[in-house]
Amino acid sequence: MKELSSIGPDMVVDEIMRKWPATVAVVLSYRMLCVGCPIGTFHTVAEACREHRIDETLFILDLESAVRGER
């Protein structure tokens, strides 16, 4: 059984990608440069979305879909 996620806007992007590797594909699909970025180690989802002008709610929904294996 897959682990349930509760990804929130205050979670650090790098932690999400490390805990749920399937989310890396989501980050890349949004053309975010967080993968391997030194800022990703302390940037929250909210900060990254604001920086990249991405809809935070949709991004989180896509991350959670990846965690559930639906993406």
PDB file of N, CA and C in Angstrom:
ATOM      1  N   MET A   1       0.846  -1.186   0.000  1.00  0.00           N
ATOM      2  CA  MET A   1       0.000   0.000   0.000  1.00  0.00           C
ATOM      3  C   MET A   1       0.888   1.245   0.000  1.00  0.00           C
ATOM      4  N   LYS A   2       0.552   2.192  -0.839  1.00  0.00           N
ATOM      5  CA  LYS A   2       1.343   3.423  -0.934  1.00  0.00           C
ATOM      6  C   LYS A   2       1.098   4.304   0.276  1.00  0.00           C
ATOM      7  N   GLU A   3       2.152   5.017   0.653  1.00  0.00           N
ATOM      8  CA  GLU A   3       2.063   5.940   1.787  1.00  0.00           C
ATOM      9  C   GLU A   3       1.209   7.143   1.401  1.00  0.00           C
ATOM     10  N   LEU A   4       0.318   7.531   2.283  1.00  0.00           N
ATOM     11  CA  LEU A   4      -0.500   8.715   2.043  1.00  0.00           C
ATOM     12  C   LEU A   4       0.348   9.954   2.264  1.00  0.00           C
ATOM     13  N   SER A   5       0.151  10.928   1.431  1.00  0.00           N
ATOM     14  CA  SER A   5       0.905  12.166   1.580  1.00  0.00           C
ATOM     15  C   SER A   5      -0.015  13.251   2.106  1.00  0.00           C
ATOM     16  N   SER A   6       0.592  14.205   2.680  1.00  0.00           N
ATOM     17  CA  SER A   6      -0.132  15.415   3.063  1.00  0.00           C
ATOM     18  C   SER A   6       0.808  16.568   2.748  1.00  0.00           C
ATOM     19  N   ILE A   7       1.008  16.759   1.457  1.00  0.00           N
ATOM     20  CA  ILE A   7       1.909  17.806   0.994  1.00  0.00           C
ATOM     21  C   ILE A   7       1.227  19.150   1.183  1.00  0.00           C
ATOM     22  N   GLY A   8       1.938  20.038   1.836  1.00  0.00           N
ATOM     23  CA  GLY A   8       1.401  21.359   2.089  1.00  0.00           C
ATOM     24  C   GLY A   8       2.318  22.444   1.581  1.00  0.00           C
ATOM     25  N   PRO A   9       1.826  23.667   1.538  1.00  0.00           N
ATOM     26  CA  PRO A   9       2.604  24.782   1.007  1.00  0.00           C
ATOM     27  C   PRO A   9       3.848  25.116   1.821  1.00  0.00           C
ATOM     28  N   ASP A  10       3.892  24.691   3.068  1.00  0.00           N
ATOM     29  CA  ASP A  10       5.042  25.001   3.921  1.00  0.00           C
ATOM     30  C   ASP A  10       6.116  23.914   3.897  1.00  0.00           C
ATOM     31  N   MET A  11       5.885  22.863   3.112  1.00  0.00           N
ATOM     32  CA  MET A  11       6.884  21.795   3.022  1.00  0.00           C
ATOM     33  C   MET A  11       8.013  22.227   2.091  1.00  0.00           C
ATOM     34  N   VAL A  12       9.212  21.774   2.403  1.00  0.00           N
ATOM     35  CA  VAL A  12      10.383  22.112   1.596  1.00  0.00           C
ATOM     36  C   VAL A  12      10.415  21.224   0.355  1.00  0.00           C
ATOM     37  N   VAL A  13      10.617  21.860  -0.805  1.00  0.00           N
ATOM     38  CA  VAL A  13      10.593  21.155  -2.086  1.00  0.00           C
ATOM     39  C   VAL A  13      11.569  19.974  -2.106  1.00  0.00           C
ATOM     40  N   ASP A  14      12.778  20.188  -1.656  1.00  0.00           N
ATOM     41  CA  ASP A  14      13.786  19.137  -1.673  1.00  0.00           C
ATOM     42  C   ASP A  14      13.353  17.937  -0.822  1.00  0.00           C
ATOM     43  N   GLU A  15      12.748  18.192   0.331  1.00  0.00           N
ATOM     44  CA  GLU A  15      12.275  17.104   1.197  1.00  0.00           C
ATOM     45  C   GLU A  15      11.206  16.274   0.500  1.00  0.00           C
ATOM     46  N   ILE A  16      10.314  16.947  -0.210  1.00  0.00           N
ATOM     47  CA  ILE A  16       9.243  16.252  -0.929  1.00  0.00           C
ATOM     48  C   ILE A  16       9.844  15.325  -1.977  1.00  0.00           C
ATOM     49  N   MET A  17      10.789  15.850  -2.758  1.00  0.00           N
ATOM     50  CA  MET A  17      11.395  15.043  -3.816  1.00  0.00           C
ATOM     51  C   MET A  17      12.185  13.867  -3.251  1.00  0.00           C
ATOM     52  N   ARG A  18      12.799  14.049  -2.087  1.00  0.00           N
ATOM     53  CA  ARG A  18      13.558  12.949  -1.469  1.00  0.00           C
ATOM     54  C   ARG A  18      12.622  11.893  -0.883  1.00  0.00           C
ATOM     55  N   LYS A  19      11.542  12.338  -0.247  1.00  0.00           N
ATOM     56  CA  LYS A  19      10.614  11.409   0.395  1.00  0.00           C
ATOM     57  C   LYS A  19       9.780  10.653  -0.637  1.00  0.00           C
ATOM     58  N   TRP A  20       9.378  11.353  -1.696  1.00  0.00           N
ATOM     59  CA  TRP A  20       8.547  10.767  -2.748  1.00  0.00           C
ATOM     60  C   TRP A  20       9.212  11.037  -4.100  1.00  0.00           C
ATOM     61  N   PRO A  21      10.151  10.188  -4.529  1.00  0.00           N
ATOM     62  CA  PRO A  21      10.885  10.416  -5.781  1.00  0.00           C
ATOM     63  C   PRO A  21      10.000  10.601  -7.020  1.00  0.00           C
ATOM     64  N   ALA A  22       8.811  10.056  -7.018  1.00  0.00           N
ATOM     65  CA  ALA A  22       7.908  10.224  -8.169  1.00  0.00           C
ATOM     66  C   ALA A  22       7.544  11.689  -8.392  1.00  0.00           C
ATOM     67  N   THR A  23       7.702  12.517  -7.372  1.00  0.00           N
ATOM     68  CA  THR A  23       7.351  13.935  -7.510  1.00  0.00           C
ATOM     69  C   THR A  23       8.367  14.707  -8.352  1.00  0.00           C
ATOM     70  N   VAL A  24       9.546  14.141  -8.551  1.00  0.00           N
ATOM     71  CA  VAL A  24      10.564  14.820  -9.373  1.00  0.00           C
ATOM     72  C   VAL A  24      10.012  15.054 -10.779  1.00  0.00           C
ATOM     73  N   ALA A  25       9.307  14.087 -11.332  1.00  0.00           N
ATOM     74  CA  ALA A  25       8.729  14.228 -12.670  1.00  0.00           C
ATOM     75  C   ALA A  25       7.730  15.382 -12.727  1.00  0.00           C
ATOM     76  N   VAL A  26       6.984  15.576 -11.643  1.00  0.00           N
ATOM     77  CA  VAL A  26       6.021  16.680 -11.588  1.00  0.00           C
ATOM     78  C   VAL A  26       6.764  18.013 -11.599  1.00  0.00           C
ATOM     79  N   VAL A  27       7.779  18.120 -10.771  1.00  0.00           N
ATOM     80  CA  VAL A  27       8.561  19.356 -10.699  1.00  0.00           C
ATOM     81  C   VAL A  27       9.129  19.682 -12.081  1.00  0.00           C
ATOM     82  N   LEU A  28       9.668  18.678 -12.759  1.00  0.00           N
ATOM     83  CA  LEU A  28      10.234  18.890 -14.087  1.00  0.00           C
ATOM     84  C   LEU A  28       9.160  19.247 -15.114  1.00  0.00           C
ATOM     85  N   SER A  29       7.977  18.650 -14.988  1.00  0.00           N
ATOM     86  CA  SER A  29       6.903  18.936 -15.947  1.00  0.00           C
ATOM     87  C   SER A  29       6.437  20.384 -15.856  1.00  0.00           C
ATOM     88  N   TYR A  30       6.623  21.006 -14.707  1.00  0.00           N
ATOM     89  CA  TYR A  30       6.280  22.418 -14.526  1.00  0.00           C
ATOM     90  C   TYR A  30       7.450  23.331 -14.917  1.00  0.00           C
ATOM     91  N   ARG A  31       8.506  22.719 -15.431  1.00  0.00           N
ATOM     92  CA  ARG A  31       9.714  23.441 -15.845  1.00  0.00           C
ATOM     93  C   ARG A  31      10.341  24.238 -14.705  1.00  0.00           C
ATOM     94  N   MET A  32      10.202  23.663 -13.519  1.00  0.00           N
ATOM     95  CA  MET A  32      10.827  24.266 -12.340  1.00  0.00           C
ATOM     96  C   MET A  32      12.262  23.740 -12.255  1.00  0.00           C
ATOM     97  N   LEU A  33      13.151  24.561 -11.826  1.00  0.00           N
ATOM     98  CA  LEU A  33      14.567  24.201 -11.770  1.00  0.00           C
ATOM     99  C   LEU A  33      14.987  23.739 -10.381  1.00  0.00           C
ATOM    100  N   CYS A  34      14.041  23.225  -9.611  1.00  0.00           N
ATOM    101  CA  CYS A  34      14.292  22.846  -8.222  1.00  0.00           C
ATOM    102  C   CYS A  34      15.186  21.614  -8.086  1.00  0.00           C
ATOM    103  N   VAL A  35      15.151  20.733  -9.070  1.00  0.00           N
ATOM    104  CA  VAL A  35      15.934  19.505  -8.999  1.00  0.00           C
ATOM    105  C   VAL A  35      17.417  19.872  -9.075  1.00  0.00           C
ATOM    106  N   GLY A  36      18.129  19.594  -7.988  1.00  0.00           N
ATOM    107  CA  GLY A  36      19.552  19.910  -7.931  1.00  0.00           C
ATOM    108  C   GLY A  36      19.878  21.352  -7.583  1.00  0.00           C
ATOM    109  N   CYS A  37      18.874  22.173  -7.409  1.00  0.00           N
ATOM    110  CA  CYS A  37      19.098  23.582  -7.087  1.00  0.00           C
ATOM    111  C   CYS A  37      19.410  23.725  -5.603  1.00  0.00           C
ATOM    112  N   PRO A  38      20.454  24.476  -5.254  1.00  0.00           N
ATOM    113  CA  PRO A  38      20.778  24.645  -3.836  1.00  0.00           C
ATOM    114  C   PRO A  38      19.668  25.352  -3.049  1.00  0.00           C
ATOM    115  N   ILE A  39      18.868  26.151  -3.711  1.00  0.00           N
ATOM    116  CA  ILE A  39      17.770  26.844  -3.026  1.00  0.00           C
ATOM    117  C   ILE A  39      16.658  25.862  -2.676  1.00  0.00           C
ATOM    118  N   GLY A  40      16.539  24.769  -3.455  1.00  0.00           N
ATOM    119  CA  GLY A  40      15.509  23.764  -3.213  1.00  0.00           C
ATOM    120  C   GLY A  40      15.616  23.112  -1.851  1.00  0.00           C
ATOM    121  N   THR A  41      16.783  23.207  -1.234  1.00  0.00           N
ATOM    122  CA  THR A  41      16.955  22.581   0.079  1.00  0.00           C
ATOM    123  C   THR A  41      16.281  23.370   1.200  1.00  0.00           C
ATOM    124  N   PHE A  42      15.860  24.600   0.899  1.00  0.00           N
ATOM    125  CA  PHE A  42      15.128  25.352   1.927  1.00  0.00           C
ATOM    126  C   PHE A  42      13.922  26.101   1.395  1.00  0.00           C
ATOM    127  N   HIS A  43      13.679  26.064   0.086  1.00  0.00           N
ATOM    128  CA  HIS A  43      12.504  26.710  -0.502  1.00  0.00           C
ATOM    129  C   HIS A  43      11.262  25.880  -0.225  1.00  0.00           C
ATOM    130  N   THR A  44      10.221  26.507   0.255  1.00  0.00           N
ATOM    131  CA  THR A  44       8.959  25.798   0.462  1.00  0.00           C
ATOM    132  C   THR A  44       8.195  25.726  -0.861  1.00  0.00           C
ATOM    133  N   VAL A  45       7.167  24.910  -0.885  1.00  0.00           N
ATOM    134  CA  VAL A  45       6.311  24.807  -2.069  1.00  0.00           C
ATOM    135  C   VAL A  45       5.735  26.181  -2.406  1.00  0.00           C
ATOM    136  N   ALA A  46       5.242  26.885  -1.408  1.00  0.00           N
ATOM    137  CA  ALA A  46       4.649  28.210  -1.635  1.00  0.00           C
ATOM    138  C   ALA A  46       5.664  29.168  -2.243  1.00  0.00           C
ATOM    139  N   GLU A  47       6.875  29.174  -1.724  1.00  0.00           N
ATOM    140  CA  GLU A  47       7.921  30.060  -2.240  1.00  0.00           C
ATOM    141  C   GLU A  47       8.300  29.693  -3.671  1.00  0.00           C
ATOM    142  N   ALA A  48       8.458  28.405  -3.936  1.00  0.00           N
ATOM    143  CA  ALA A  48       8.832  27.955  -5.280  1.00  0.00           C
ATOM    144  C   ALA A  48       7.733  28.287  -6.290  1.00  0.00           C
ATOM    145  N   CYS A  49       6.485  28.071  -5.907  1.00  0.00           N
ATOM    146  CA  CYS A  49       5.373  28.389  -6.809  1.00  0.00           C
ATOM    147  C   CYS A  49       5.301  29.884  -7.086  1.00  0.00           C
ATOM    148  N   ARG A  50       5.498  30.666  -6.069  1.00  0.00           N
ATOM    149  CA  ARG A  50       5.487  32.124  -6.242  1.00  0.00           C
ATOM    150  C   ARG A  50       6.634  32.555  -7.165  1.00  0.00           C
ATOM    151  N   GLU A  51       7.809  31.999  -6.937  1.00  0.00           N
ATOM    152  CA  GLU A  51       8.997  32.334  -7.724  1.00  0.00           C
ATOM    153  C   GLU A  51       8.828  31.973  -9.201  1.00  0.00           C
ATOM    154  N   HIS A  52       8.183  30.810  -9.448  1.00  0.00           N
ATOM    155  CA  HIS A  52       8.025  30.322 -10.816  1.00  0.00           C
ATOM    156  C   HIS A  52       6.668  30.678 -11.417  1.00  0.00           C
ATOM    157  N   ARG A  53       5.863  31.427 -10.675  1.00  0.00           N
ATOM    158  CA  ARG A  53       4.521  31.846 -11.121  1.00  0.00           C
ATOM    159  C   ARG A  53       3.650  30.640 -11.514  1.00  0.00           C
ATOM    160  N   ILE A  54       3.580  29.704 -10.578  1.00  0.00           N
ATOM    161  CA  ILE A  54       2.813  28.472 -10.781  1.00  0.00           C
ATOM    162  C   ILE A  54       1.665  28.443  -9.776  1.00  0.00           C
ATOM    163  N   ASP A  55       0.512  27.952 -10.221  1.00  0.00           N
ATOM    164  CA  ASP A  55      -0.640  27.833  -9.335  1.00  0.00           C
ATOM    165  C   ASP A  55      -0.333  26.794  -8.254  1.00  0.00           C
ATOM    166  N   GLU A  56      -0.262  27.268  -7.023  1.00  0.00           N
ATOM    167  CA  GLU A  56       0.133  26.422  -5.890  1.00  0.00           C
ATOM    168  C   GLU A  56      -0.813  25.243  -5.682  1.00  0.00           C
ATOM    169  N   THR A  57      -2.101  25.485  -5.766  1.00  0.00           N
ATOM    170  CA  THR A  57      -3.087  24.425  -5.532  1.00  0.00           C
ATOM    171  C   THR A  57      -2.957  23.315  -6.566  1.00  0.00           C
ATOM    172  N   LEU A  58      -2.868  23.681  -7.837  1.00  0.00           N
ATOM    173  CA  LEU A  58      -2.728  22.677  -8.889  1.00  0.00           C
ATOM    174  C   LEU A  58      -1.420  21.913  -8.749  1.00  0.00           C
ATOM    175  N   PHE A  59      -0.365  22.617  -8.402  1.00  0.00           N
ATOM    176  CA  PHE A  59       0.935  21.976  -8.237  1.00  0.00           C
ATOM    177  C   PHE A  59       0.878  20.930  -7.121  1.00  0.00           C
ATOM    178  N   ILE A  60       0.304  21.292  -5.996  1.00  0.00           N
ATOM    179  CA  ILE A  60       0.188  20.356  -4.873  1.00  0.00           C
ATOM    180  C   ILE A  60      -0.673  19.155  -5.260  1.00  0.00           C
ATOM    181  N   LEU A  61      -1.767  19.395  -5.964  1.00  0.00           N
ATOM    182  CA  LEU A  61      -2.620  18.283  -6.416  1.00  0.00           C
ATOM    183  C   LEU A  61      -1.844  17.336  -7.328  1.00  0.00           C
ATOM    184  N   ASP A  62      -1.026  17.889  -8.217  1.00  0.00           N
ATOM    185  CA  ASP A  62      -0.215  17.051  -9.101  1.00  0.00           C
ATOM    186  C   ASP A  62       0.846  16.282  -8.322  1.00  0.00           C
ATOM    187  N   LEU A  63       1.446  16.921  -7.337  1.00  0.00           N
ATOM    188  CA  LEU A  63       2.430  16.221  -6.496  1.00  0.00           C
ATOM    189  C   LEU A  63       1.770  15.050  -5.777  1.00  0.00           C
ATOM    190  N   GLU A  64       0.599  15.290  -5.211  1.00  0.00           N
ATOM    191  CA  GLU A  64      -0.101  14.229  -4.483  1.00  0.00           C
ATOM    192  C   GLU A  64      -0.535  13.104  -5.416  1.00  0.00           C
ATOM    193  N   SER A  65      -0.910  13.435  -6.641  1.00  0.00           N
ATOM    194  CA  SER A  65      -1.244  12.391  -7.612  1.00  0.00           C
ATOM    195  C   SER A  65      -0.041  11.512  -7.903  1.00  0.00           C
ATOM    196  N   ALA A  66       1.124  12.130  -8.020  1.00  0.00           N
ATOM    197  CA  ALA A  66       2.347  11.366  -8.262  1.00  0.00           C
ATOM    198  C   ALA A  66       2.662  10.444  -7.087  1.00  0.00           C
ATOM    199  N   VAL A  67       2.464  10.937  -5.883  1.00  0.00           N
ATOM    200  CA  VAL A  67       2.726  10.117  -4.697  1.00  0.00           C
ATOM    201  C   VAL A  67       1.807   8.897  -4.683  1.00  0.00           C
ATOM    202  N   ARG A  68       0.569   9.093  -5.110  1.00  0.00           N
ATOM    203  CA  ARG A  68      -0.395   7.981  -5.143  1.00  0.00           C
ATOM    204  C   ARG A  68      -0.194   7.063  -6.349  1.00  0.00           C
ATOM    205  N   GLY A  69       0.742   7.419  -7.236  1.00  0.00           N
ATOM    206  CA  GLY A  69       1.021   6.597  -8.403  1.00  0.00           C
ATOM    207  C   GLY A  69       0.025   6.797  -9.527  1.00  0.00           C
ATOM    208  N   GLU A  70      -0.675   7.897  -9.507  1.00  0.00           N
ATOM    209  CA  GLU A  70      -1.696   8.182 -10.516  1.00  0.00           C
ATOM    210  C   GLU A  70      -1.163   8.994 -11.688  1.00  0.00           C
ATOM    211  N   ARG A  71       0.090   9.295 -11.642  1.00  0.00           N
ATOM    212  CA  ARG A  71       0.670  10.171 -12.654  1.00  0.00           C
ATOM    213  C   ARG A  71       1.851   9.518 -13.304  1.00  0.00           C
TER     214      ARG A  71
END
